Amino acid sequence: MRLTHVRLLVDDFTACFRFYRDVLGLEPTWGNETDGYADFAAGDATIAIIRRDGQAEVVELRPPGDGSMVIVNVDSVDEAAARLADHLVGEPQSRPDWGIRFAHLRDPAGTLIEINEPISMEEE
């Protein structure tokens, strides 16, 4: 088994497409802001978005909620958090016991996203 990508189900496809392209700066590799489906290059992985009603055509969906989180590594959490300040849902934090510094934000569909960078166990 091999993970190929994560597909996020969204209600406002255009707003989410623009968020991943314009706010996070990910390059679309398939689709555009009106297609209802798009892939974005995210390092060795792909983040895909699809309109919820499009996915519902092939499988019954449960109500959306915080059942998952997208985690993205960045060079500097503080720099990324400053650039993404309008979308943050908390200030950057360090967790030496986890080995990361992180911050959380949400996309227009409410998907929880963590940006993080590794830190040494001695940092605070």
N, C-alpha and C. Protein backbone atom coordinates (compact mmCIF):
# COMPACT_ATOMS: atom_id res chain seq x y z
N MET A 1 0.84 -1.17 0.00
CA MET A 1 0.00 0.00 0.00
C MET A 1 0.89 1.23 0.00
N ARG A 2 0.45 2.27 -0.74
CA ARG A 2 1.24 3.49 -0.84
C ARG A 2 0.29 4.68 -0.87
N LEU A 3 0.49 5.64 0.01
CA LEU A 3 -0.31 6.85 0.03
C LEU A 3 0.05 7.71 -1.18
N THR A 4 -0.94 8.12 -1.96
CA THR A 4 -0.66 8.96 -3.12
C THR A 4 -0.99 10.41 -2.86
N HIS A 5 -2.12 10.66 -2.18
CA HIS A 5 -2.49 12.03 -1.87
C HIS A 5 -3.62 12.05 -0.85
N VAL A 6 -3.89 13.23 -0.34
CA VAL A 6 -5.02 13.46 0.55
C VAL A 6 -6.03 14.28 -0.23
N ARG A 7 -7.28 13.86 -0.22
CA ARG A 7 -8.35 14.59 -0.92
C ARG A 7 -9.26 15.21 0.13
N LEU A 8 -9.41 16.53 0.07
CA LEU A 8 -10.25 17.26 1.01
C LEU A 8 -11.59 17.56 0.35
N LEU A 9 -12.67 17.32 1.08
CA LEU A 9 -14.02 17.56 0.58
C LEU A 9 -14.44 18.96 1.01
N VAL A 10 -14.81 19.78 0.04
CA VAL A 10 -15.07 21.20 0.34
C VAL A 10 -16.41 21.64 -0.25
N ASP A 11 -17.05 22.59 0.41
CA ASP A 11 -18.30 23.14 -0.09
C ASP A 11 -18.05 24.32 -1.03
N ASP A 12 -17.15 25.22 -0.67
CA ASP A 12 -16.85 26.38 -1.51
C ASP A 12 -15.55 26.09 -2.26
N PHE A 13 -15.68 25.39 -3.38
CA PHE A 13 -14.51 24.94 -4.12
C PHE A 13 -13.61 26.10 -4.55
N THR A 14 -14.19 27.15 -5.10
CA THR A 14 -13.40 28.27 -5.61
C THR A 14 -12.58 28.92 -4.49
N ALA A 15 -13.20 29.16 -3.34
CA ALA A 15 -12.48 29.77 -2.21
C ALA A 15 -11.35 28.86 -1.74
N CYS A 16 -11.59 27.56 -1.70
CA CYS A 16 -10.55 26.64 -1.26
C CYS A 16 -9.44 26.54 -2.29
N PHE A 17 -9.78 26.52 -3.58
CA PHE A 17 -8.76 26.49 -4.63
C PHE A 17 -7.85 27.71 -4.48
N ARG A 18 -8.45 28.88 -4.32
CA ARG A 18 -7.65 30.10 -4.19
C ARG A 18 -6.81 30.08 -2.91
N PHE A 19 -7.35 29.51 -1.83
CA PHE A 19 -6.59 29.42 -0.58
C PHE A 19 -5.34 28.59 -0.77
N TYR A 20 -5.47 27.39 -1.33
CA TYR A 20 -4.31 26.51 -1.49
C TYR A 20 -3.32 27.07 -2.50
N ARG A 21 -3.82 27.71 -3.54
CA ARG A 21 -2.93 28.29 -4.55
C ARG A 21 -2.34 29.63 -4.09
N ASP A 22 -3.19 30.56 -3.68
CA ASP A 22 -2.76 31.94 -3.43
C ASP A 22 -2.26 32.18 -2.00
N VAL A 23 -2.88 31.56 -1.02
CA VAL A 23 -2.49 31.79 0.38
C VAL A 23 -1.35 30.86 0.78
N LEU A 24 -1.53 29.54 0.55
CA LEU A 24 -0.45 28.61 0.91
C LEU A 24 0.64 28.56 -0.14
N GLY A 25 0.35 29.00 -1.36
CA GLY A 25 1.36 29.04 -2.41
C GLY A 25 1.65 27.69 -3.06
N LEU A 26 0.70 26.75 -2.99
CA LEU A 26 0.89 25.45 -3.62
C LEU A 26 0.57 25.54 -5.10
N GLU A 27 1.34 24.82 -5.90
CA GLU A 27 1.16 24.84 -7.36
C GLU A 27 0.07 23.85 -7.78
N PRO A 28 -0.98 24.33 -8.48
CA PRO A 28 -1.98 23.40 -9.00
C PRO A 28 -1.34 22.56 -10.12
N THR A 29 -1.54 21.25 -10.05
CA THR A 29 -1.01 20.36 -11.08
C THR A 29 -2.13 19.73 -11.90
N TRP A 30 -3.37 19.91 -11.46
CA TRP A 30 -4.54 19.40 -12.18
C TRP A 30 -5.73 20.25 -11.78
N GLY A 31 -6.51 20.67 -12.75
CA GLY A 31 -7.73 21.41 -12.47
C GLY A 31 -7.50 22.90 -12.36
N ASN A 32 -8.62 23.61 -12.25
CA ASN A 32 -8.59 25.05 -12.04
C ASN A 32 -9.69 25.42 -11.06
N GLU A 33 -9.88 26.70 -10.82
CA GLU A 33 -10.81 27.10 -9.76
C GLU A 33 -12.27 26.88 -10.09
N THR A 34 -12.60 26.41 -11.28
CA THR A 34 -14.00 26.15 -11.62
C THR A 34 -14.29 24.68 -11.92
N ASP A 35 -13.28 23.81 -11.89
CA ASP A 35 -13.47 22.40 -12.27
C ASP A 35 -14.20 21.55 -11.24
N GLY A 36 -14.14 21.91 -9.98
CA GLY A 36 -14.74 21.07 -8.95
C GLY A 36 -13.79 20.02 -8.40
N TYR A 37 -12.61 19.88 -9.02
CA TYR A 37 -11.56 18.98 -8.53
C TYR A 37 -10.22 19.58 -8.92
N ALA A 38 -9.25 19.51 -8.00
CA ALA A 38 -7.90 20.01 -8.31
C ALA A 38 -6.88 19.30 -7.44
N ASP A 39 -5.68 19.13 -8.00
CA ASP A 39 -4.52 18.61 -7.27
C ASP A 39 -3.51 19.74 -7.11
N PHE A 40 -2.80 19.72 -5.97
CA PHE A 40 -1.75 20.69 -5.69
C PHE A 40 -0.49 19.95 -5.27
N ALA A 41 0.65 20.34 -5.84
CA ALA A 41 1.93 19.76 -5.45
C ALA A 41 2.27 20.21 -4.04
N ALA A 42 2.63 19.25 -3.20
CA ALA A 42 2.99 19.55 -1.82
C ALA A 42 4.19 18.71 -1.43
N GLY A 43 5.33 19.03 -2.03
CA GLY A 43 6.54 18.25 -1.78
C GLY A 43 6.41 16.89 -2.45
N ASP A 44 6.61 15.82 -1.69
CA ASP A 44 6.50 14.47 -2.22
C ASP A 44 5.06 13.97 -2.25
N ALA A 45 4.14 14.78 -1.80
CA ALA A 45 2.73 14.37 -1.72
C ALA A 45 1.87 15.32 -2.55
N THR A 46 0.60 14.98 -2.65
CA THR A 46 -0.37 15.81 -3.34
C THR A 46 -1.53 16.09 -2.40
N ILE A 47 -1.97 17.34 -2.37
CA ILE A 47 -3.22 17.70 -1.70
C ILE A 47 -4.24 17.94 -2.79
N ALA A 48 -5.35 17.23 -2.72
CA ALA A 48 -6.43 17.40 -3.69
C ALA A 48 -7.65 17.98 -2.98
N ILE A 49 -8.43 18.75 -3.74
CA ILE A 49 -9.71 19.22 -3.22
C ILE A 49 -10.79 18.82 -4.22
N ILE A 50 -11.96 18.51 -3.69
CA ILE A 50 -13.11 18.15 -4.52
C ILE A 50 -14.37 18.71 -3.85
N ARG A 51 -15.29 19.13 -4.67
CA ARG A 51 -16.57 19.60 -4.12
C ARG A 51 -17.24 18.44 -3.39
N ARG A 52 -17.74 18.72 -2.19
CA ARG A 52 -18.41 17.68 -1.39
C ARG A 52 -19.51 16.99 -2.18
N ASP A 53 -20.31 17.76 -2.91
CA ASP A 53 -21.42 17.13 -3.63
C ASP A 53 -20.91 16.23 -4.76
N GLY A 54 -19.74 16.52 -5.30
CA GLY A 54 -19.15 15.65 -6.31
C GLY A 54 -18.73 14.32 -5.72
N GLN A 55 -18.11 14.34 -4.55
CA GLN A 55 -17.71 13.09 -3.89
C GLN A 55 -18.94 12.32 -3.43
N ALA A 56 -19.99 13.05 -3.02
CA ALA A 56 -21.22 12.40 -2.53
C ALA A 56 -21.93 11.61 -3.63
N GLU A 57 -21.58 11.85 -4.88
CA GLU A 57 -22.17 11.08 -5.96
C GLU A 57 -21.75 9.61 -5.93
N VAL A 58 -20.62 9.33 -5.28
CA VAL A 58 -20.10 7.95 -5.31
C VAL A 58 -20.03 7.28 -3.94
N VAL A 59 -20.20 8.04 -2.87
CA VAL A 59 -20.17 7.46 -1.53
C VAL A 59 -20.96 8.36 -0.58
N GLU A 60 -21.68 7.74 0.36
CA GLU A 60 -22.43 8.52 1.35
C GLU A 60 -21.45 9.21 2.29
N LEU A 61 -21.64 10.50 2.50
CA LEU A 61 -20.73 11.29 3.33
C LEU A 61 -21.33 11.55 4.70
N ARG A 62 -20.48 11.58 5.70
CA ARG A 62 -20.86 12.00 7.04
C ARG A 62 -20.72 13.51 7.11
N PRO A 63 -21.33 14.15 8.11
CA PRO A 63 -21.16 15.60 8.25
C PRO A 63 -19.69 15.95 8.46
N PRO A 64 -19.25 17.11 7.94
CA PRO A 64 -17.85 17.50 8.13
C PRO A 64 -17.57 17.83 9.60
N GLY A 65 -16.32 17.72 9.97
CA GLY A 65 -15.91 18.03 11.34
C GLY A 65 -14.41 17.84 11.48
N ASP A 66 -13.93 17.98 12.69
CA ASP A 66 -12.49 17.85 12.94
C ASP A 66 -12.11 16.38 13.13
N GLY A 67 -12.23 15.60 12.07
CA GLY A 67 -11.84 14.20 12.12
C GLY A 67 -10.45 13.97 11.55
N SER A 68 -9.85 15.01 11.00
CA SER A 68 -8.52 14.87 10.41
C SER A 68 -7.84 16.24 10.39
N MET A 69 -6.54 16.21 10.09
CA MET A 69 -5.77 17.44 10.03
C MET A 69 -4.70 17.25 8.96
N VAL A 70 -4.47 18.29 8.16
CA VAL A 70 -3.38 18.28 7.18
C VAL A 70 -2.17 18.90 7.85
N ILE A 71 -1.03 18.22 7.75
CA ILE A 71 0.20 18.71 8.39
C ILE A 71 1.22 19.01 7.31
N VAL A 72 1.75 20.23 7.36
CA VAL A 72 2.70 20.70 6.35
C VAL A 72 3.95 21.21 7.06
N ASN A 73 5.09 20.74 6.62
CA ASN A 73 6.36 21.20 7.16
C ASN A 73 6.78 22.48 6.46
N VAL A 74 7.25 23.46 7.23
CA VAL A 74 7.74 24.73 6.68
C VAL A 74 9.14 24.99 7.21
N ASP A 75 9.87 25.89 6.55
CA ASP A 75 11.22 26.24 7.01
C ASP A 75 11.19 27.00 8.33
N SER A 76 10.20 27.90 8.48
CA SER A 76 10.08 28.71 9.69
C SER A 76 8.61 28.89 10.03
N VAL A 77 8.19 28.32 11.14
CA VAL A 77 6.80 28.47 11.58
C VAL A 77 6.47 29.93 11.81
N ASP A 78 7.39 30.68 12.43
CA ASP A 78 7.10 32.07 12.75
C ASP A 78 6.92 32.91 11.49
N GLU A 79 7.76 32.69 10.48
CA GLU A 79 7.60 33.43 9.23
C GLU A 79 6.31 33.03 8.52
N ALA A 80 6.01 31.75 8.47
CA ALA A 80 4.78 31.29 7.83
C ALA A 80 3.56 31.80 8.60
N ALA A 81 3.62 31.77 9.91
CA ALA A 81 2.50 32.25 10.73
C ALA A 81 2.26 33.74 10.51
N ALA A 82 3.31 34.51 10.37
CA ALA A 82 3.15 35.95 10.10
C ALA A 82 2.46 36.16 8.76
N ARG A 83 2.85 35.38 7.76
CA ARG A 83 2.26 35.50 6.43
C ARG A 83 0.81 35.01 6.41
N LEU A 84 0.49 34.05 7.25
CA LEU A 84 -0.84 33.43 7.27
C LEU A 84 -1.68 33.91 8.45
N ALA A 85 -1.32 35.02 9.06
CA ALA A 85 -1.94 35.49 10.31
C ALA A 85 -3.46 35.56 10.24
N ASP A 86 -4.02 35.93 9.11
CA ASP A 86 -5.48 36.04 9.00
C ASP A 86 -6.19 34.70 9.11
N HIS A 87 -5.46 33.61 8.99
CA HIS A 87 -6.07 32.28 8.99
C HIS A 87 -5.72 31.47 10.24
N LEU A 88 -4.85 32.00 11.10
CA LEU A 88 -4.41 31.26 12.29
C LEU A 88 -5.54 31.08 13.29
N VAL A 89 -5.50 29.96 13.99
CA VAL A 89 -6.44 29.70 15.08
C VAL A 89 -5.68 29.48 16.38
N GLY A 90 -4.59 30.16 16.52
CA GLY A 90 -3.75 30.09 17.72
C GLY A 90 -2.35 30.56 17.38
N GLU A 91 -1.65 30.99 18.39
CA GLU A 91 -0.28 31.47 18.21
C GLU A 91 0.68 30.29 18.05
N PRO A 92 1.82 30.51 17.39
CA PRO A 92 2.82 29.45 17.30
C PRO A 92 3.26 28.97 18.69
N GLN A 93 3.50 27.69 18.78
CA GLN A 93 3.92 27.07 20.03
C GLN A 93 5.06 26.10 19.76
N SER A 94 5.87 25.89 20.79
CA SER A 94 6.91 24.87 20.72
C SER A 94 6.56 23.73 21.66
N ARG A 95 6.75 22.53 21.19
CA ARG A 95 6.57 21.32 22.01
C ARG A 95 7.84 20.50 21.89
N PRO A 96 8.85 20.80 22.71
CA PRO A 96 10.09 20.04 22.64
C PRO A 96 9.88 18.54 22.80
N ASP A 97 8.89 18.14 23.61
CA ASP A 97 8.62 16.72 23.80
C ASP A 97 8.11 16.06 22.51
N TRP A 98 7.54 16.85 21.59
CA TRP A 98 7.12 16.34 20.28
C TRP A 98 8.20 16.59 19.22
N GLY A 99 9.17 17.47 19.55
CA GLY A 99 10.24 17.79 18.61
C GLY A 99 9.84 18.77 17.52
N ILE A 100 8.77 19.57 17.76
CA ILE A 100 8.31 20.51 16.74
C ILE A 100 7.87 21.85 17.33
N ARG A 101 7.94 22.86 16.48
CA ARG A 101 7.28 24.15 16.71
C ARG A 101 6.17 24.19 15.68
N PHE A 102 4.97 24.65 16.07
CA PHE A 102 3.82 24.55 15.19
C PHE A 102 2.83 25.69 15.39
N ALA A 103 1.95 25.84 14.42
CA ALA A 103 0.80 26.73 14.51
C ALA A 103 -0.33 26.07 13.72
N HIS A 104 -1.55 26.46 14.01
CA HIS A 104 -2.71 25.89 13.33
C HIS A 104 -3.51 26.97 12.61
N LEU A 105 -4.09 26.59 11.50
CA LEU A 105 -4.96 27.47 10.73
C LEU A 105 -6.06 26.63 10.11
N ARG A 106 -7.02 27.30 9.48
CA ARG A 106 -8.11 26.61 8.79
C ARG A 106 -8.24 27.15 7.38
N ASP A 107 -8.59 26.24 6.46
CA ASP A 107 -8.91 26.68 5.10
C ASP A 107 -10.36 27.15 5.07
N PRO A 108 -10.85 27.68 3.96
CA PRO A 108 -12.23 28.16 3.89
C PRO A 108 -13.29 27.10 4.17
N ALA A 109 -12.95 25.82 4.00
CA ALA A 109 -13.90 24.74 4.29
C ALA A 109 -13.86 24.34 5.76
N GLY A 110 -12.94 24.92 6.53
CA GLY A 110 -12.82 24.59 7.94
C GLY A 110 -11.81 23.50 8.23
N THR A 111 -11.12 23.00 7.22
CA THR A 111 -10.11 21.96 7.43
C THR A 111 -9.00 22.49 8.31
N LEU A 112 -8.67 21.75 9.34
CA LEU A 112 -7.60 22.13 10.26
C LEU A 112 -6.26 21.79 9.62
N ILE A 113 -5.36 22.75 9.60
CA ILE A 113 -4.04 22.59 9.00
C ILE A 113 -2.99 22.95 10.05
N GLU A 114 -1.98 22.11 10.18
CA GLU A 114 -0.85 22.41 11.06
C GLU A 114 0.36 22.70 10.20
N ILE A 115 1.02 23.82 10.48
CA ILE A 115 2.33 24.08 9.89
C ILE A 115 3.33 23.80 11.00
N ASN A 116 4.44 23.13 10.67
CA ASN A 116 5.41 22.84 11.73
C ASN A 116 6.82 22.79 11.19
N GLU A 117 7.73 22.90 12.12
CA GLU A 117 9.16 22.75 11.81
C GLU A 117 9.78 21.96 12.95
N PRO A 118 10.81 21.17 12.64
CA PRO A 118 11.46 20.41 13.72
C PRO A 118 12.27 21.33 14.61
N ILE A 119 12.32 20.97 15.89
CA ILE A 119 13.18 21.66 16.85
C ILE A 119 13.91 20.58 17.66
N SER A 120 14.98 20.98 18.30
CA SER A 120 15.69 20.01 19.14
C SER A 120 14.95 19.85 20.46
N MET A 121 15.19 18.80 21.12
CA MET A 121 14.52 18.51 22.40
C MET A 121 14.88 19.54 23.46
N GLU A 122 15.98 20.29 23.31
CA GLU A 122 16.41 21.27 24.30
C GLU A 122 15.75 22.63 24.10
N GLU A 123 15.22 22.90 22.91
CA GLU A 123 14.62 24.21 22.64
C GLU A 123 13.31 24.37 23.40
N GLU A 124 12.97 25.61 23.71
CA GLU A 124 11.71 25.89 24.37
C GLU A 124 11.02 27.03 23.72
